[in-house]
Amino acid sequence: MHWRHLFTTPNLLSLGRIVAIPFIVAALDMTSRHPQIGLIAAFLMGLAGISDILDGYFARKYRDVSTLGKLLDPVADKMIVAAALIMLVQLDRVPAWLAILMILRELYVNSLRGIAAASGTVIAAETLGKIKTVCQFVGLIAFMVGTMLPILPHLLVFSIAWGGVLVAAGFSLISAVDYTRRYLAILRG
């Protein structure tokens, strides 16, 4: 495969999410001293969420779907979500149990994908996983900005944050079962 096939628009968008991780982490790290910097982290997380939607759109529209892209897209999502969750736990905005549950699910699904890929099969993200990712991004962004708002908007954003991550946690479990079912079907041949 020629190197140009690696640097497609969808793959570059996925790589962009990975590149954004240290900037999001740095911005969240500074929020304890400068709470308004949380807006920068939320903005970058929002851009990452939009890039996730766009890379799928471009891959389908221009038939630019590749094996690398099928693997890189979900890995980029998992990396950015895990980094944000860990930082939000450190800032006491997200409970550790929730972050552990979501990160363990991601590790489990990635392990299934890796095993399947080793046997020449790609398990692409399905609708459940995509809904989970959108809910994660919405919830995490709301957690990033929620503490900087006056009390009434804070309560609304806090509700959105919890709603997003709890719905994401539910979809995480359901989609993990779905990935397991699909992997077992592959093993049966």
C-alpha atoms as a PDB file:
ATOM      1  CA  MET A   1       0.000   0.000   0.000  1.00  0.00           C
ATOM      2  CA  HIS A   2       1.259   3.441  -0.929  1.00  0.00           C
ATOM      3  CA  TRP A   3       1.739   5.978   1.892  1.00  0.00           C
ATOM      4  CA  ARG A   4      -0.842   8.320   0.306  1.00  0.00           C
ATOM      5  CA  HIS A   5      -3.525   5.753   1.103  1.00  0.00           C
ATOM      6  CA  LEU A   6      -2.709   6.192   4.772  1.00  0.00           C
ATOM      7  CA  PHE A   7      -3.114   9.980   4.757  1.00  0.00           C
ATOM      8  CA  THR A   8      -6.749  10.186   3.725  1.00  0.00           C
ATOM      9  CA  THR A   9      -9.035  12.925   5.035  1.00  0.00           C
ATOM     10  CA  PRO A  10     -10.830  10.541   7.446  1.00  0.00           C
ATOM     11  CA  ASN A  11      -7.524   9.201   8.793  1.00  0.00           C
ATOM     12  CA  LEU A  12      -6.128  12.723   9.218  1.00  0.00           C
ATOM     13  CA  LEU A  13      -9.244  13.721  11.159  1.00  0.00           C
ATOM     14  CA  SER A  14      -8.766  10.713  13.451  1.00  0.00           C
ATOM     15  CA  LEU A  15      -5.104  11.609  13.922  1.00  0.00           C
ATOM     16  CA  GLY A  16      -6.183  15.171  14.719  1.00  0.00           C
ATOM     17  CA  ARG A  17      -8.196  13.861  17.676  1.00  0.00           C
ATOM     18  CA  ILE A  18      -5.110  12.096  18.981  1.00  0.00           C
ATOM     19  CA  VAL A  19      -3.014  15.266  18.552  1.00  0.00           C
ATOM     20  CA  ALA A  20      -5.657  17.248  20.502  1.00  0.00           C
ATOM     21  CA  ILE A  21      -5.284  15.046  23.606  1.00  0.00           C
ATOM     22  CA  PRO A  22      -2.287  16.799  25.215  1.00  0.00           C
ATOM     23  CA  PHE A  23      -3.915  20.195  24.652  1.00  0.00           C
ATOM     24  CA  ILE A  24      -7.161  19.073  26.295  1.00  0.00           C
ATOM     25  CA  VAL A  25      -5.226  17.540  29.203  1.00  0.00           C
ATOM     26  CA  ALA A  26      -3.148  20.716  29.649  1.00  0.00           C
ATOM     27  CA  ALA A  27      -6.234  22.944  29.555  1.00  0.00           C
ATOM     28  CA  LEU A  28      -8.059  20.784  32.102  1.00  0.00           C
ATOM     29  CA  ASP A  29      -4.968  20.706  34.291  1.00  0.00           C
ATOM     30  CA  MET A  30      -4.987  24.517  34.413  1.00  0.00           C
ATOM     31  CA  THR A  31      -8.678  24.794  35.367  1.00  0.00           C
ATOM     32  CA  SER A  32      -7.971  24.459  39.085  1.00  0.00           C
ATOM     33  CA  ARG A  33      -6.091  27.787  38.916  1.00  0.00           C
ATOM     34  CA  HIS A  34      -8.010  29.345  36.016  1.00  0.00           C
ATOM     35  CA  PRO A  35     -11.516  27.827  35.726  1.00  0.00           C
ATOM     36  CA  GLN A  36     -12.290  29.682  32.483  1.00  0.00           C
ATOM     37  CA  ILE A  37      -9.647  27.589  30.682  1.00  0.00           C
ATOM     38  CA  GLY A  38     -12.131  24.738  30.941  1.00  0.00           C
ATOM     39  CA  LEU A  39     -13.867  26.436  28.011  1.00  0.00           C
ATOM     40  CA  ILE A  40     -10.775  25.794  25.883  1.00  0.00           C
ATOM     41  CA  ALA A  41     -10.819  22.108  26.848  1.00  0.00           C
ATOM     42  CA  ALA A  42     -14.543  21.934  26.085  1.00  0.00           C
ATOM     43  CA  PHE A  43     -14.035  23.692  22.748  1.00  0.00           C
ATOM     44  CA  LEU A  44     -11.263  21.266  21.761  1.00  0.00           C
ATOM     45  CA  MET A  45     -13.387  18.317  22.876  1.00  0.00           C
ATOM     46  CA  GLY A  46     -16.254  19.696  20.784  1.00  0.00           C
ATOM     47  CA  LEU A  47     -13.978  19.971  17.750  1.00  0.00           C
ATOM     48  CA  ALA A  48     -12.868  16.395  18.366  1.00  0.00           C
ATOM     49  CA  GLY A  49     -16.508  15.283  18.439  1.00  0.00           C
ATOM     50  CA  ILE A  50     -17.217  17.107  15.184  1.00  0.00           C
ATOM     51  CA  SER A  51     -14.122  15.564  13.587  1.00  0.00           C
ATOM     52  CA  ASP A  52     -15.403  12.137  14.613  1.00  0.00           C
ATOM     53  CA  ILE A  53     -18.653  12.782  12.755  1.00  0.00           C
ATOM     54  CA  LEU A  54     -16.846  14.259   9.748  1.00  0.00           C
ATOM     55  CA  ASP A  55     -14.354  11.427   9.343  1.00  0.00           C
ATOM     56  CA  GLY A  56     -17.195   8.913   9.083  1.00  0.00           C
ATOM     57  CA  TYR A  57     -19.080  11.170   6.698  1.00  0.00           C
ATOM     58  CA  PHE A  58     -16.068  11.654   4.403  1.00  0.00           C
ATOM     59  CA  ALA A  59     -15.170   7.966   4.515  1.00  0.00           C
ATOM     60  CA  ARG A  60     -18.669   6.967   3.359  1.00  0.00           C
ATOM     61  CA  LYS A  61     -19.303   9.822   0.929  1.00  0.00           C
ATOM     62  CA  TYR A  62     -16.008   9.452  -0.922  1.00  0.00           C
ATOM     63  CA  ARG A  63     -15.723   5.701  -0.410  1.00  0.00           C
ATOM     64  CA  ASP A  64     -12.524   6.360   1.444  1.00  0.00           C
ATOM     65  CA  VAL A  65     -12.997   3.516   3.936  1.00  0.00           C
ATOM     66  CA  SER A  66      -9.781   1.736   4.839  1.00  0.00           C
ATOM     67  CA  THR A  67      -8.751  -0.965   7.262  1.00  0.00           C
ATOM     68  CA  LEU A  68      -6.499   1.572   8.984  1.00  0.00           C
ATOM     69  CA  GLY A  69      -9.400   4.011   9.259  1.00  0.00           C
ATOM     70  CA  LYS A  70     -11.708   1.360  10.729  1.00  0.00           C
ATOM     71  CA  LEU A  71      -9.146   0.752  13.445  1.00  0.00           C
ATOM     72  CA  LEU A  72      -7.800   4.319  13.889  1.00  0.00           C
ATOM     73  CA  ASP A  73     -11.190   6.044  14.281  1.00  0.00           C
ATOM     74  CA  PRO A  74     -12.358   4.115  17.357  1.00  0.00           C
ATOM     75  CA  VAL A  75      -8.865   4.120  18.896  1.00  0.00           C
ATOM     76  CA  ALA A  76      -8.714   7.925  18.609  1.00  0.00           C
ATOM     77  CA  ASP A  77     -12.136   8.188  20.252  1.00  0.00           C
ATOM     78  CA  LYS A  78     -11.148   5.885  23.083  1.00  0.00           C
ATOM     79  CA  MET A  79      -7.883   7.712  23.715  1.00  0.00           C
ATOM     80  CA  ILE A  80      -9.459  11.167  23.878  1.00  0.00           C
ATOM     81  CA  VAL A  81     -12.384  10.007  26.031  1.00  0.00           C
ATOM     82  CA  ALA A  82     -10.074   8.127  28.430  1.00  0.00           C
ATOM     83  CA  ALA A  83      -7.788  11.155  28.780  1.00  0.00           C
ATOM     84  CA  ALA A  84     -10.748  13.468  29.448  1.00  0.00           C
ATOM     85  CA  LEU A  85     -12.274  11.043  31.967  1.00  0.00           C
ATOM     86  CA  ILE A  86      -9.010  10.684  33.882  1.00  0.00           C
ATOM     87  CA  MET A  87      -8.564  14.462  34.052  1.00  0.00           C
ATOM     88  CA  LEU A  88     -12.181  14.988  35.141  1.00  0.00           C
ATOM     89  CA  VAL A  89     -11.726  12.384  37.901  1.00  0.00           C
ATOM     90  CA  GLN A  90      -8.616  14.258  39.039  1.00  0.00           C
ATOM     91  CA  LEU A  91     -10.678  17.465  39.138  1.00  0.00           C
ATOM     92  CA  ASP A  92     -13.454  15.710  41.153  1.00  0.00           C
ATOM     93  CA  ARG A  93     -16.014  16.318  38.428  1.00  0.00           C
ATOM     94  CA  VAL A  94     -16.526  12.663  37.464  1.00  0.00           C
ATOM     95  CA  PRO A  95     -16.529   9.772  39.951  1.00  0.00           C
ATOM     96  CA  ALA A  96     -13.709   7.252  39.546  1.00  0.00           C
ATOM     97  CA  TRP A  97     -16.104   4.277  39.305  1.00  0.00           C
ATOM     98  CA  LEU A  98     -17.694   5.743  36.196  1.00  0.00           C
ATOM     99  CA  ALA A  99     -14.357   6.419  34.532  1.00  0.00           C
ATOM    100  CA  ILE A 100     -13.156   2.897  35.363  1.00  0.00           C
ATOM    101  CA  LEU A 101     -16.333   1.335  33.962  1.00  0.00           C
ATOM    102  CA  MET A 102     -16.082   3.283  30.714  1.00  0.00           C
ATOM    103  CA  ILE A 103     -12.328   2.781  30.253  1.00  0.00           C
ATOM    104  CA  LEU A 104     -12.540  -0.961  30.984  1.00  0.00           C
ATOM    105  CA  ARG A 105     -15.279  -1.293  28.378  1.00  0.00           C
ATOM    106  CA  GLU A 106     -13.074   0.461  25.841  1.00  0.00           C
ATOM    107  CA  LEU A 107     -10.124  -1.814  26.631  1.00  0.00           C
ATOM    108  CA  TYR A 108     -12.344  -4.883  26.351  1.00  0.00           C
ATOM    109  CA  VAL A 109     -13.811  -3.879  22.983  1.00  0.00           C
ATOM    110  CA  ASN A 110     -10.396  -2.893  21.642  1.00  0.00           C
ATOM    111  CA  SER A 111      -9.040  -6.284  22.721  1.00  0.00           C
ATOM    112  CA  LEU A 112     -11.819  -8.040  20.810  1.00  0.00           C
ATOM    113  CA  ARG A 113     -11.081  -5.894  17.776  1.00  0.00           C
ATOM    114  CA  GLY A 114      -7.368  -6.625  18.039  1.00  0.00           C
ATOM    115  CA  ILE A 115      -7.903 -10.368  18.246  1.00  0.00           C
ATOM    116  CA  ALA A 116     -10.281 -10.249  15.297  1.00  0.00           C
ATOM    117  CA  ALA A 117      -7.838  -8.098  13.302  1.00  0.00           C
ATOM    118  CA  ALA A 118      -5.065 -10.622  13.958  1.00  0.00           C
ATOM    119  CA  SER A 119      -7.229 -13.204  12.218  1.00  0.00           C
ATOM    120  CA  GLY A 120      -7.845 -10.849   9.284  1.00  0.00           C
ATOM    121  CA  THR A 121     -11.282  -9.559  10.319  1.00  0.00           C
ATOM    122  CA  VAL A 122     -12.150  -5.952  11.112  1.00  0.00           C
ATOM    123  CA  ILE A 123     -15.003  -5.353  13.549  1.00  0.00           C
ATOM    124  CA  ALA A 124     -16.154  -1.857  12.644  1.00  0.00           C
ATOM    125  CA  ALA A 125     -18.044   0.420  15.008  1.00  0.00           C
ATOM    126  CA  GLU A 126     -21.796  -0.069  14.954  1.00  0.00           C
ATOM    127  CA  THR A 127     -24.676   2.268  15.755  1.00  0.00           C
ATOM    128  CA  LEU A 128     -24.677   1.449  19.495  1.00  0.00           C
ATOM    129  CA  GLY A 129     -21.011   2.343  19.793  1.00  0.00           C
ATOM    130  CA  LYS A 130     -21.510   5.545  17.823  1.00  0.00           C
ATOM    131  CA  ILE A 131     -24.424   6.631  20.024  1.00  0.00           C
ATOM    132  CA  LYS A 132     -22.292   5.860  23.077  1.00  0.00           C
ATOM    133  CA  THR A 133     -19.465   8.024  21.735  1.00  0.00           C
ATOM    134  CA  VAL A 134     -21.769  10.986  21.023  1.00  0.00           C
ATOM    135  CA  CYS A 135     -23.247  10.748  24.535  1.00  0.00           C
ATOM    136  CA  GLN A 136     -19.745  10.561  26.019  1.00  0.00           C
ATOM    137  CA  PHE A 137     -18.614  13.671  24.158  1.00  0.00           C
ATOM    138  CA  VAL A 138     -21.747  15.630  25.147  1.00  0.00           C
ATOM    139  CA  GLY A 139     -21.482  14.579  28.793  1.00  0.00           C
ATOM    140  CA  LEU A 140     -17.750  15.231  29.057  1.00  0.00           C
ATOM    141  CA  ILE A 141     -18.043  18.656  27.416  1.00  0.00           C
ATOM    142  CA  ALA A 142     -20.830  19.552  29.855  1.00  0.00           C
ATOM    143  CA  PHE A 143     -18.660  18.441  32.802  1.00  0.00           C
ATOM    144  CA  MET A 144     -15.839  20.638  31.494  1.00  0.00           C
ATOM    145  CA  VAL A 145     -17.950  23.815  31.425  1.00  0.00           C
ATOM    146  CA  GLY A 146     -20.525  23.151  34.135  1.00  0.00           C
ATOM    147  CA  THR A 147     -18.600  24.366  37.164  1.00  0.00           C
ATOM    148  CA  MET A 148     -17.927  27.776  35.628  1.00  0.00           C
ATOM    149  CA  LEU A 149     -21.586  28.746  35.298  1.00  0.00           C
ATOM    150  CA  PRO A 150     -23.948  30.548  37.698  1.00  0.00           C
ATOM    151  CA  ILE A 151     -26.104  28.196  39.770  1.00  0.00           C
ATOM    152  CA  LEU A 152     -29.183  27.772  37.523  1.00  0.00           C
ATOM    153  CA  PRO A 153     -27.322  27.160  34.244  1.00  0.00           C
ATOM    154  CA  HIS A 154     -24.853  25.061  36.257  1.00  0.00           C
ATOM    155  CA  LEU A 155     -27.676  22.741  37.382  1.00  0.00           C
ATOM    156  CA  LEU A 156     -28.937  22.397  33.805  1.00  0.00           C
ATOM    157  CA  VAL A 157     -25.478  21.674  32.406  1.00  0.00           C
ATOM    158  CA  PHE A 158     -24.773  19.314  35.308  1.00  0.00           C
ATOM    159  CA  SER A 159     -27.963  17.405  34.420  1.00  0.00           C
ATOM    160  CA  ILE A 160     -26.873  17.214  30.792  1.00  0.00           C
ATOM    161  CA  ALA A 161     -23.416  16.048  31.879  1.00  0.00           C
ATOM    162  CA  TRP A 162     -24.761  13.270  34.076  1.00  0.00           C
ATOM    163  CA  GLY A 163     -27.410  12.335  31.543  1.00  0.00           C
ATOM    164  CA  GLY A 164     -24.804  12.095  28.792  1.00  0.00           C
ATOM    165  CA  VAL A 165     -22.326   9.974  30.708  1.00  0.00           C
ATOM    166  CA  LEU A 166     -24.944   7.698  32.265  1.00  0.00           C
ATOM    167  CA  VAL A 167     -26.591   7.070  28.898  1.00  0.00           C
ATOM    168  CA  ALA A 168     -23.100   6.507  27.477  1.00  0.00           C
ATOM    169  CA  ALA A 169     -22.356   4.046  30.291  1.00  0.00           C
ATOM    170  CA  GLY A 170     -25.563   2.145  29.490  1.00  0.00           C
ATOM    171  CA  PHE A 171     -24.746   2.052  25.787  1.00  0.00           C
ATOM    172  CA  SER A 172     -21.180   1.040  26.713  1.00  0.00           C
ATOM    173  CA  LEU A 173     -22.437  -2.094  28.409  1.00  0.00           C
ATOM    174  CA  ILE A 174     -25.001  -2.909  25.719  1.00  0.00           C
ATOM    175  CA  SER A 175     -22.503  -2.383  22.898  1.00  0.00           C
ATOM    176  CA  ALA A 176     -19.853  -4.476  24.726  1.00  0.00           C
ATOM    177  CA  VAL A 177     -22.341  -7.353  24.713  1.00  0.00           C
ATOM    178  CA  ASP A 178     -23.012  -6.686  21.007  1.00  0.00           C
ATOM    179  CA  TYR A 179     -19.274  -6.713  20.179  1.00  0.00           C
ATOM    180  CA  THR A 180     -18.901  -9.965  22.120  1.00  0.00           C
ATOM    181  CA  ARG A 181     -21.786 -11.501  20.178  1.00  0.00           C
ATOM    182  CA  ARG A 182     -20.291 -10.376  16.855  1.00  0.00           C
ATOM    183  CA  TYR A 183     -16.834 -11.659  17.813  1.00  0.00           C
ATOM    184  CA  LEU A 184     -18.233 -15.053  18.825  1.00  0.00           C
ATOM    185  CA  ALA A 185     -20.055 -15.211  15.485  1.00  0.00           C
ATOM    186  CA  ILE A 186     -16.728 -14.597  13.721  1.00  0.00           C
ATOM    187  CA  LEU A 187     -15.106 -17.390  15.730  1.00  0.00           C
ATOM    188  CA  ARG A 188     -17.888 -19.798  14.739  1.00  0.00           C
ATOM    189  CA  GLY A 189     -17.070 -18.895  11.165  1.00  0.00           C
END
